[in-house]
Amino acid sequence: MTGPTSTTSSPAIPEETLADLAQRIHEWARELGFSSSGITTPETGEHARHLKNWLANGYQGEMDYMGHHGDKRYTPESLVPGTERVISVRMDYLPAPDNPKEVLRNREKAYVTRYAQGRDYHKVIRKRLATLASRIDEAVAGYHHRAFVDSAPVLERALAQRAGLGWIGKNTMLIHPKAGSFFFLGEIFTSAPLPIDAPFETEHCGSCSACLDICPTQAFVSPYQLDGRRCISYLTIELKGSIPEDLRPLIGNRVFGCDDCQLVCPWQKFSNSTREADFQPRHGLNNSTLAELFLWTEEQFLKRTEGSAIRRTGYEGWLRNLAVGLGNAPSTIPVIEALKQRAEHPSDMVREHVQWALRRHGL
């Protein structure tokens, strides 16, 4: 959450000036590396109702923060009083060249979700949004602007859909017809009454159910409805304790996040490779073996994940996830030896997952 704020009363500015400003905002967004942008009102409508039902079903698991903040998550004007418009932006993150399906097929390799292989997107996008907010502030004084990047109770996908950046697919991801879904979102809440863009009304999933069918843990209760407690991204990132044993074999070699429901989507053929150097893979995270990552010391983990979203899981969570991956890997010498080296790890959680993995190999 960042950006300049002006708290003086809103000036009366001609509509043509605001229209010109909106056009300049889109141009500035492109100059700053955003793939596209849109402007909408702060209402979330049916999306708010959907989230309330999702929370009522307990699909958030341990993600208690999803239910915090009262109505601020549903109503942007409650989060930032005086909000008249929301500027939504997206930024592509898919590395190039990339071989995600090849890594998934090689069970000795570690699969890290594409968004987490480079620098933490929060840092990259937050800085760009701060610059965009500053340019708006310089262009028209008297309005306030506040930027967010997945760091506050904001229904990002809902606002992006309403701003014309795509539709929400059956896999609950925002999908753009010319860019797939491998992109980040960010927002600027502003009190400036800018002209709005047309929402993306048409849903283009049709009868396709590829994303629902491919899910390794069958986390989709129905189209557009994900049980977070079974999602591999939740299990390997958000869950802080032991991973349920019945789900471990289904996780395969996915050690931080999962992209299956995106990779299989037909619209991904239009995905664009990122132009951002910060989103390129670091420390071989796009093509490393489970065994080599499992043998990282805590010092190596902290050094090699500095500025990375992977830090979110912590070192013990990292080892837990890798132990599960090694338990699902072929019984090769590197796999067995790596597990044996961690068999007496001081963490009860890590040790329990290592023992499970060794039993999977008959040891």
Protein backbone atom coordinates (compact mmCIF):
# COMPACT_ATOMS: atom_id res chain seq x y z
CA MET A 1 0.00 0.00 0.00
CA THR A 2 1.65 3.20 -1.10
CA GLY A 3 1.27 6.47 -2.95
CA PRO A 4 0.80 10.18 -2.35
CA THR A 5 -2.36 11.46 -0.75
CA SER A 6 -3.95 14.89 -1.12
CA THR A 7 -6.71 15.66 1.37
CA THR A 8 -7.93 19.05 0.17
CA SER A 9 -11.48 19.30 -1.18
CA SER A 10 -11.94 18.03 -4.71
CA PRO A 11 -11.77 20.79 -7.33
CA ALA A 12 -14.26 21.26 -10.10
CA ILE A 13 -12.51 20.11 -13.26
CA PRO A 14 -14.14 20.05 -16.72
CA GLU A 15 -15.15 16.63 -18.02
CA GLU A 16 -12.90 16.98 -21.06
CA THR A 17 -9.92 17.54 -18.75
CA LEU A 18 -10.76 14.39 -16.80
CA ALA A 19 -11.19 12.46 -20.05
CA ASP A 20 -7.78 13.65 -21.19
CA LEU A 21 -6.31 12.63 -17.83
CA ALA A 22 -7.80 9.15 -18.13
CA GLN A 23 -6.14 8.74 -21.53
CA ARG A 24 -2.83 9.92 -20.11
CA ILE A 25 -3.16 7.48 -17.21
CA HIS A 26 -3.45 4.59 -19.68
CA GLU A 27 -0.39 5.89 -21.56
CA TRP A 28 1.62 6.33 -18.38
CA ALA A 29 0.66 2.82 -17.27
CA ARG A 30 2.05 1.37 -20.51
CA GLU A 31 5.24 3.42 -20.15
CA LEU A 32 5.69 2.00 -16.65
CA GLY A 33 5.50 -1.58 -17.92
CA PHE A 34 1.88 -2.43 -17.25
CA SER A 35 0.31 -4.57 -19.95
CA SER A 36 -3.07 -2.87 -19.75
CA SER A 37 -5.17 -0.69 -17.47
CA GLY A 38 -8.80 0.19 -16.88
CA ILE A 39 -10.91 2.51 -14.75
CA THR A 40 -14.06 1.55 -12.88
CA THR A 41 -16.33 2.56 -10.03
CA PRO A 42 -15.66 1.11 -6.55
CA GLU A 43 -18.71 -1.20 -6.46
CA THR A 44 -18.11 -4.98 -6.28
CA GLY A 45 -21.74 -6.20 -6.40
CA GLU A 46 -22.13 -9.95 -7.01
CA HIS A 47 -18.44 -10.53 -6.33
CA ALA A 48 -18.91 -9.40 -2.74
CA ARG A 49 -21.77 -11.87 -2.30
CA HIS A 50 -19.66 -14.64 -3.78
CA LEU A 51 -16.84 -13.98 -1.29
CA LYS A 52 -19.26 -13.93 1.66
CA ASN A 53 -20.63 -17.33 0.63
CA TRP A 54 -17.10 -18.67 0.13
CA LEU A 55 -16.13 -17.61 3.65
CA ALA A 56 -19.35 -19.03 5.10
CA ASN A 57 -18.40 -22.43 3.65
CA GLY A 58 -15.01 -22.29 5.37
CA TYR A 59 -13.09 -22.62 2.09
CA GLN A 60 -10.47 -20.13 3.34
CA GLY A 61 -8.97 -22.69 5.75
CA GLU A 62 -6.34 -20.99 7.91
CA MET A 63 -6.47 -17.80 5.86
CA ASP A 64 -8.38 -15.96 8.58
CA TYR A 65 -7.34 -12.61 7.13
CA MET A 66 -9.80 -13.18 4.30
CA GLY A 67 -12.65 -12.58 6.71
CA HIS A 68 -11.15 -9.64 8.56
CA HIS A 69 -11.66 -5.90 7.95
CA GLY A 70 -15.46 -5.98 7.93
CA ASP A 71 -16.92 -4.51 4.75
CA LYS A 72 -13.64 -2.91 3.63
CA ARG A 73 -12.91 -5.86 1.36
CA TYR A 74 -16.30 -5.50 -0.33
CA THR A 75 -16.51 -1.71 -0.52
CA PRO A 76 -13.38 0.19 -1.60
CA GLU A 77 -14.90 3.46 -0.41
CA SER A 78 -14.92 2.02 3.14
CA LEU A 79 -11.25 1.12 2.86
CA VAL A 80 -10.33 4.55 1.48
CA PRO A 81 -13.08 7.10 2.21
CA GLY A 82 -13.83 9.37 -0.71
CA THR A 83 -12.89 6.81 -3.38
CA GLU A 84 -14.75 7.59 -6.60
CA ARG A 85 -12.80 5.44 -9.06
CA VAL A 86 -10.44 2.46 -9.09
CA ILE A 87 -7.63 2.31 -11.64
CA SER A 88 -6.82 -1.36 -12.24
CA VAL A 89 -3.59 -2.47 -13.94
CA ARG A 90 -2.06 -5.77 -14.93
CA MET A 91 1.54 -6.85 -15.54
CA ASP A 92 2.58 -10.08 -17.30
CA TYR A 93 4.97 -12.32 -15.38
CA LEU A 94 5.48 -15.51 -17.42
CA PRO A 95 9.24 -16.05 -17.89
CA ALA A 96 10.65 -16.83 -21.33
CA PRO A 97 11.76 -19.29 -22.44
CA ASP A 98 9.78 -21.48 -20.09
CA ASN A 99 9.18 -25.21 -19.69
CA PRO A 100 6.64 -25.70 -16.89
CA LYS A 101 5.06 -28.89 -18.21
CA GLU A 102 8.47 -30.49 -18.73
CA VAL A 103 9.40 -29.78 -15.11
CA LEU A 104 6.10 -31.26 -13.90
CA ARG A 105 6.74 -34.42 -15.90
CA ASN A 106 10.20 -34.92 -14.36
CA ARG A 107 9.34 -36.09 -10.85
CA GLU A 108 12.86 -35.46 -9.54
CA LYS A 109 12.58 -31.76 -10.41
CA ALA A 110 11.03 -29.19 -8.10
CA TYR A 111 8.11 -27.21 -9.48
CA VAL A 112 7.88 -23.62 -8.28
CA THR A 113 4.91 -21.58 -9.44
CA ARG A 114 5.87 -19.24 -12.27
CA TYR A 115 5.07 -16.06 -10.33
CA ALA A 116 7.53 -16.84 -7.52
CA GLN A 117 10.68 -17.61 -9.49
CA GLY A 118 11.93 -14.03 -9.66
CA ARG A 119 11.74 -10.98 -7.44
CA ASP A 120 8.70 -10.49 -5.23
CA TYR A 121 6.06 -8.87 -7.43
CA HIS A 122 4.82 -6.72 -4.55
CA LYS A 123 8.06 -4.74 -4.58
CA VAL A 124 8.15 -4.33 -8.35
CA ILE A 125 4.54 -3.28 -8.88
CA ARG A 126 4.30 -1.16 -5.75
CA LYS A 127 7.11 1.08 -7.00
CA ARG A 128 5.50 1.48 -10.44
CA LEU A 129 2.11 2.27 -8.95
CA ALA A 130 3.66 4.87 -6.66
CA THR A 131 5.15 6.53 -9.74
CA LEU A 132 1.82 6.42 -11.56
CA ALA A 133 0.01 7.89 -8.54
CA SER A 134 2.59 10.67 -8.35
CA ARG A 135 2.07 11.57 -12.01
CA ILE A 136 -1.68 11.77 -11.47
CA ASP A 137 -1.13 13.94 -8.40
CA GLU A 138 1.09 16.28 -10.40
CA ALA A 139 -1.42 16.49 -13.24
CA VAL A 140 -4.45 17.37 -11.10
CA ALA A 141 -4.01 18.64 -7.57
CA GLY A 142 -6.73 18.33 -4.96
CA TYR A 143 -7.59 14.65 -5.30
CA HIS A 144 -6.26 11.77 -3.23
CA HIS A 145 -4.76 8.59 -4.64
CA ARG A 146 -3.78 5.39 -2.85
CA ALA A 147 -2.14 2.34 -4.43
CA PHE A 148 -2.46 -1.33 -3.48
CA VAL A 149 -0.68 -4.52 -4.56
CA ASP A 150 -2.26 -7.58 -2.95
CA SER A 151 -1.49 -6.00 0.43
CA ALA A 152 -4.90 -4.88 1.65
CA PRO A 153 -8.50 -6.17 1.65
CA VAL A 154 -9.20 -5.53 -2.04
CA LEU A 155 -11.25 -7.70 -4.43
CA GLU A 156 -8.67 -7.32 -7.17
CA ARG A 157 -10.11 -9.67 -9.77
CA ALA A 158 -13.60 -8.28 -9.34
CA LEU A 159 -12.43 -4.71 -9.84
CA ALA A 160 -10.24 -5.73 -12.78
CA GLN A 161 -13.21 -7.43 -14.45
CA ARG A 162 -15.32 -4.33 -13.93
CA ALA A 163 -12.47 -2.22 -15.37
CA GLY A 164 -12.47 -4.30 -18.57
CA LEU A 165 -9.28 -6.33 -18.00
CA GLY A 166 -10.86 -9.75 -18.53
CA TRP A 167 -13.41 -12.21 -17.19
CA ILE A 168 -13.21 -14.45 -14.13
CA GLY A 169 -12.90 -18.01 -15.37
CA LYS A 170 -14.07 -21.30 -13.94
CA ASN A 171 -10.68 -21.63 -12.22
CA THR A 172 -11.41 -18.32 -10.41
CA MET A 173 -8.54 -16.62 -12.26
CA LEU A 174 -8.95 -13.43 -14.26
CA ILE A 175 -8.48 -14.30 -17.93
CA HIS A 176 -7.69 -11.81 -20.69
CA PRO A 177 -8.60 -12.92 -24.22
CA LYS A 178 -5.24 -11.77 -25.58
CA ALA A 179 -3.02 -12.60 -22.60
CA GLY A 180 -4.32 -15.64 -20.72
CA SER A 181 -3.99 -15.32 -16.94
CA PHE A 182 -0.28 -15.22 -16.12
CA PHE A 183 -0.27 -11.64 -14.87
CA PHE A 184 -0.30 -9.65 -11.62
CA LEU A 185 -2.88 -7.04 -10.68
CA GLY A 186 -2.61 -3.73 -8.86
CA GLU A 187 -4.94 -0.85 -8.10
CA ILE A 188 -5.03 2.87 -7.40
CA PHE A 189 -8.00 4.18 -5.47
CA THR A 190 -8.68 7.80 -6.37
CA SER A 191 -11.21 10.49 -5.53
CA ALA A 192 -10.97 11.87 -9.08
CA PRO A 193 -14.28 11.27 -10.96
CA LEU A 194 -12.56 9.90 -14.07
CA PRO A 195 -14.58 8.51 -16.97
CA ILE A 196 -14.92 4.73 -16.59
CA ASP A 197 -14.10 1.94 -19.02
CA ALA A 198 -16.60 -0.69 -20.09
CA PRO A 199 -16.58 -3.81 -17.90
CA PHE A 200 -15.72 -7.19 -19.41
CA GLU A 201 -19.20 -8.68 -19.51
CA THR A 202 -18.72 -11.74 -21.71
CA GLU A 203 -17.45 -14.98 -20.20
CA HIS A 204 -15.49 -17.11 -22.69
CA CYS A 205 -15.06 -20.41 -20.81
CA GLY A 206 -18.09 -21.96 -22.48
CA SER A 207 -18.42 -25.70 -21.89
CA CYS A 208 -14.69 -26.15 -21.25
CA SER A 209 -13.84 -27.80 -17.92
CA ALA A 210 -10.14 -28.47 -18.45
CA CYS A 211 -9.08 -26.47 -15.39
CA LEU A 212 -11.57 -28.28 -13.13
CA ASP A 213 -10.59 -31.71 -14.43
CA ILE A 214 -6.81 -31.23 -14.20
CA CYS A 215 -6.65 -30.11 -10.56
CA PRO A 216 -4.43 -32.71 -8.81
CA THR A 217 -6.31 -32.46 -5.50
CA GLN A 218 -9.78 -31.87 -6.99
CA ALA A 219 -9.99 -28.56 -5.14
CA PHE A 220 -12.81 -27.19 -7.30
CA VAL A 221 -16.18 -27.80 -5.68
CA SER A 222 -17.84 -26.52 -8.84
CA PRO A 223 -17.08 -24.02 -11.61
CA TYR A 224 -15.97 -20.70 -10.09
CA GLN A 225 -15.83 -22.27 -6.61
CA LEU A 226 -12.46 -23.31 -5.11
CA ASP A 227 -12.06 -25.06 -1.77
CA GLY A 228 -8.84 -23.39 -0.67
CA ARG A 229 -8.16 -26.11 1.89
CA ARG A 230 -7.43 -28.59 -0.91
CA CYS A 231 -5.60 -26.19 -3.22
CA ILE A 232 -1.88 -26.95 -3.58
CA SER A 233 -1.05 -23.26 -3.46
CA TYR A 234 -2.75 -23.08 -0.06
CA LEU A 235 -1.16 -26.31 1.19
CA THR A 236 2.38 -25.29 0.22
CA ILE A 237 2.22 -21.57 1.05
CA GLU A 238 -0.57 -20.62 3.44
CA LEU A 239 -0.83 -23.75 5.60
CA LYS A 240 1.63 -23.51 8.46
CA GLY A 241 1.35 -27.00 9.96
CA SER A 242 1.46 -30.53 8.58
CA ILE A 243 0.01 -31.23 5.16
CA PRO A 244 -2.84 -33.79 5.38
CA GLU A 245 -1.43 -37.21 4.52
CA ASP A 246 -4.17 -38.08 2.06
CA LEU A 247 -3.28 -35.01 -0.03
CA ARG A 248 0.50 -35.46 -0.03
CA PRO A 249 0.68 -38.04 -2.85
CA LEU A 250 -1.49 -35.75 -5.00
CA ILE A 251 0.88 -32.79 -4.68
CA GLY A 252 3.55 -34.47 -6.78
CA ASN A 253 6.65 -32.31 -7.20
CA ARG A 254 4.92 -28.98 -6.66
CA VAL A 255 6.89 -27.40 -3.81
CA PHE A 256 5.63 -23.81 -3.87
CA GLY A 257 2.29 -23.11 -5.47
CA CYS A 258 0.63 -24.72 -8.46
CA ASP A 259 -0.19 -23.56 -11.99
CA ASP A 260 -2.02 -26.59 -13.38
CA CYS A 261 -5.41 -24.91 -13.77
CA GLN A 262 -3.74 -22.09 -15.70
CA LEU A 263 -1.37 -24.18 -17.80
CA VAL A 264 -4.21 -26.30 -19.17
CA CYS A 265 -6.44 -23.33 -20.05
CA PRO A 266 -6.81 -22.95 -23.85
CA TRP A 267 -6.52 -19.18 -23.50
CA GLN A 268 -2.92 -19.53 -22.31
CA LYS A 269 -1.84 -19.85 -25.94
CA PHE A 270 -2.15 -16.07 -25.97
CA SER A 271 0.02 -15.57 -22.88
CA ASN A 272 2.75 -12.97 -23.23
CA SER A 273 6.26 -13.42 -21.92
CA THR A 274 7.24 -10.82 -19.38
CA ARG A 275 9.49 -7.92 -20.30
CA GLU A 276 10.53 -7.49 -16.68
CA ALA A 277 14.02 -8.67 -15.77
CA ASP A 278 12.92 -8.90 -12.13
CA PHE A 279 10.47 -11.68 -12.98
CA GLN A 280 13.07 -13.92 -14.61
CA PRO A 281 14.02 -17.07 -12.63
CA ARG A 282 16.77 -16.74 -10.06
CA HIS A 283 19.05 -19.39 -8.49
CA GLY A 284 17.85 -22.08 -10.89
CA LEU A 285 14.37 -22.20 -9.38
CA ASN A 286 12.88 -23.02 -12.78
CA ASN A 287 14.90 -26.20 -13.28
CA SER A 288 16.34 -27.49 -9.98
CA THR A 289 16.04 -30.98 -8.53
CA LEU A 290 14.15 -31.61 -5.32
CA ALA A 291 17.27 -33.11 -3.74
CA GLU A 292 19.50 -30.09 -4.33
CA LEU A 293 16.95 -27.63 -2.99
CA PHE A 294 16.27 -29.87 0.01
CA LEU A 295 19.90 -29.66 1.03
CA TRP A 296 19.96 -25.86 1.18
CA THR A 297 20.94 -24.70 4.64
CA GLU A 298 18.75 -22.11 6.31
CA GLU A 299 21.41 -19.52 5.52
CA GLN A 300 21.35 -20.50 1.84
CA PHE A 301 17.55 -20.43 1.84
CA LEU A 302 17.45 -16.92 3.30
CA LYS A 303 20.12 -15.66 0.90
CA ARG A 304 18.66 -17.22 -2.24
CA THR A 305 15.07 -16.24 -1.48
CA GLU A 306 15.88 -12.67 -0.50
CA GLY A 307 13.30 -10.40 -2.12
CA SER A 308 11.30 -13.47 -3.18
CA ALA A 309 7.70 -14.50 -2.51
CA ILE A 310 9.06 -17.91 -1.44
CA ARG A 311 10.06 -16.35 1.88
CA ARG A 312 6.36 -16.51 2.78
CA THR A 313 6.51 -20.23 3.50
CA GLY A 314 9.59 -20.00 5.76
CA TYR A 315 12.50 -22.42 5.88
CA GLU A 316 10.63 -25.19 7.74
CA GLY A 317 7.69 -24.91 5.35
CA TRP A 318 10.13 -25.07 2.42
CA LEU A 319 11.68 -28.29 3.75
CA ARG A 320 8.22 -29.71 4.50
CA ASN A 321 7.13 -29.13 0.91
CA LEU A 322 10.32 -30.56 -0.54
CA ALA A 323 10.05 -33.64 1.67
CA VAL A 324 6.59 -34.28 0.20
CA GLY A 325 8.00 -33.85 -3.29
CA LEU A 326 10.82 -36.27 -2.52
CA GLY A 327 8.31 -38.77 -1.16
CA ASN A 328 6.56 -38.63 -4.54
CA ALA A 329 9.80 -38.87 -6.55
CA PRO A 330 11.43 -42.01 -7.98
CA SER A 331 13.54 -44.00 -5.52
CA THR A 332 16.89 -42.83 -6.87
CA ILE A 333 20.11 -42.52 -4.88
CA PRO A 334 20.04 -38.66 -4.76
CA VAL A 335 16.42 -38.71 -3.53
CA ILE A 336 17.02 -41.30 -0.79
CA GLU A 337 20.29 -39.75 0.38
CA ALA A 338 18.76 -36.28 0.59
CA LEU A 339 15.92 -37.58 2.75
CA LYS A 340 18.27 -39.50 5.03
CA GLN A 341 20.30 -36.35 5.66
CA ARG A 342 17.20 -34.65 7.08
CA ALA A 343 15.82 -37.69 8.95
CA GLU A 344 16.83 -36.24 12.32
CA HIS A 345 15.97 -32.63 11.61
CA PRO A 346 15.22 -30.66 14.80
CA SER A 347 11.81 -29.53 13.50
CA ASP A 348 9.04 -31.98 14.41
CA MET A 349 7.11 -30.95 11.30
CA VAL A 350 10.03 -31.43 8.93
CA ARG A 351 11.02 -34.73 10.55
CA GLU A 352 7.48 -36.08 10.32
CA HIS A 353 7.27 -35.31 6.60
CA VAL A 354 10.71 -36.80 5.97
CA GLN A 355 9.73 -40.02 7.75
CA TRP A 356 6.57 -40.16 5.65
CA ALA A 357 8.65 -39.73 2.49
CA LEU A 358 11.10 -42.46 3.52
CA ARG A 359 8.19 -44.86 4.13
CA ARG A 360 6.98 -44.08 0.62
CA HIS A 361 10.29 -45.47 -0.58
CA GLY A 362 10.01 -48.55 1.61
CA LEU A 363 12.53 -47.32 4.19
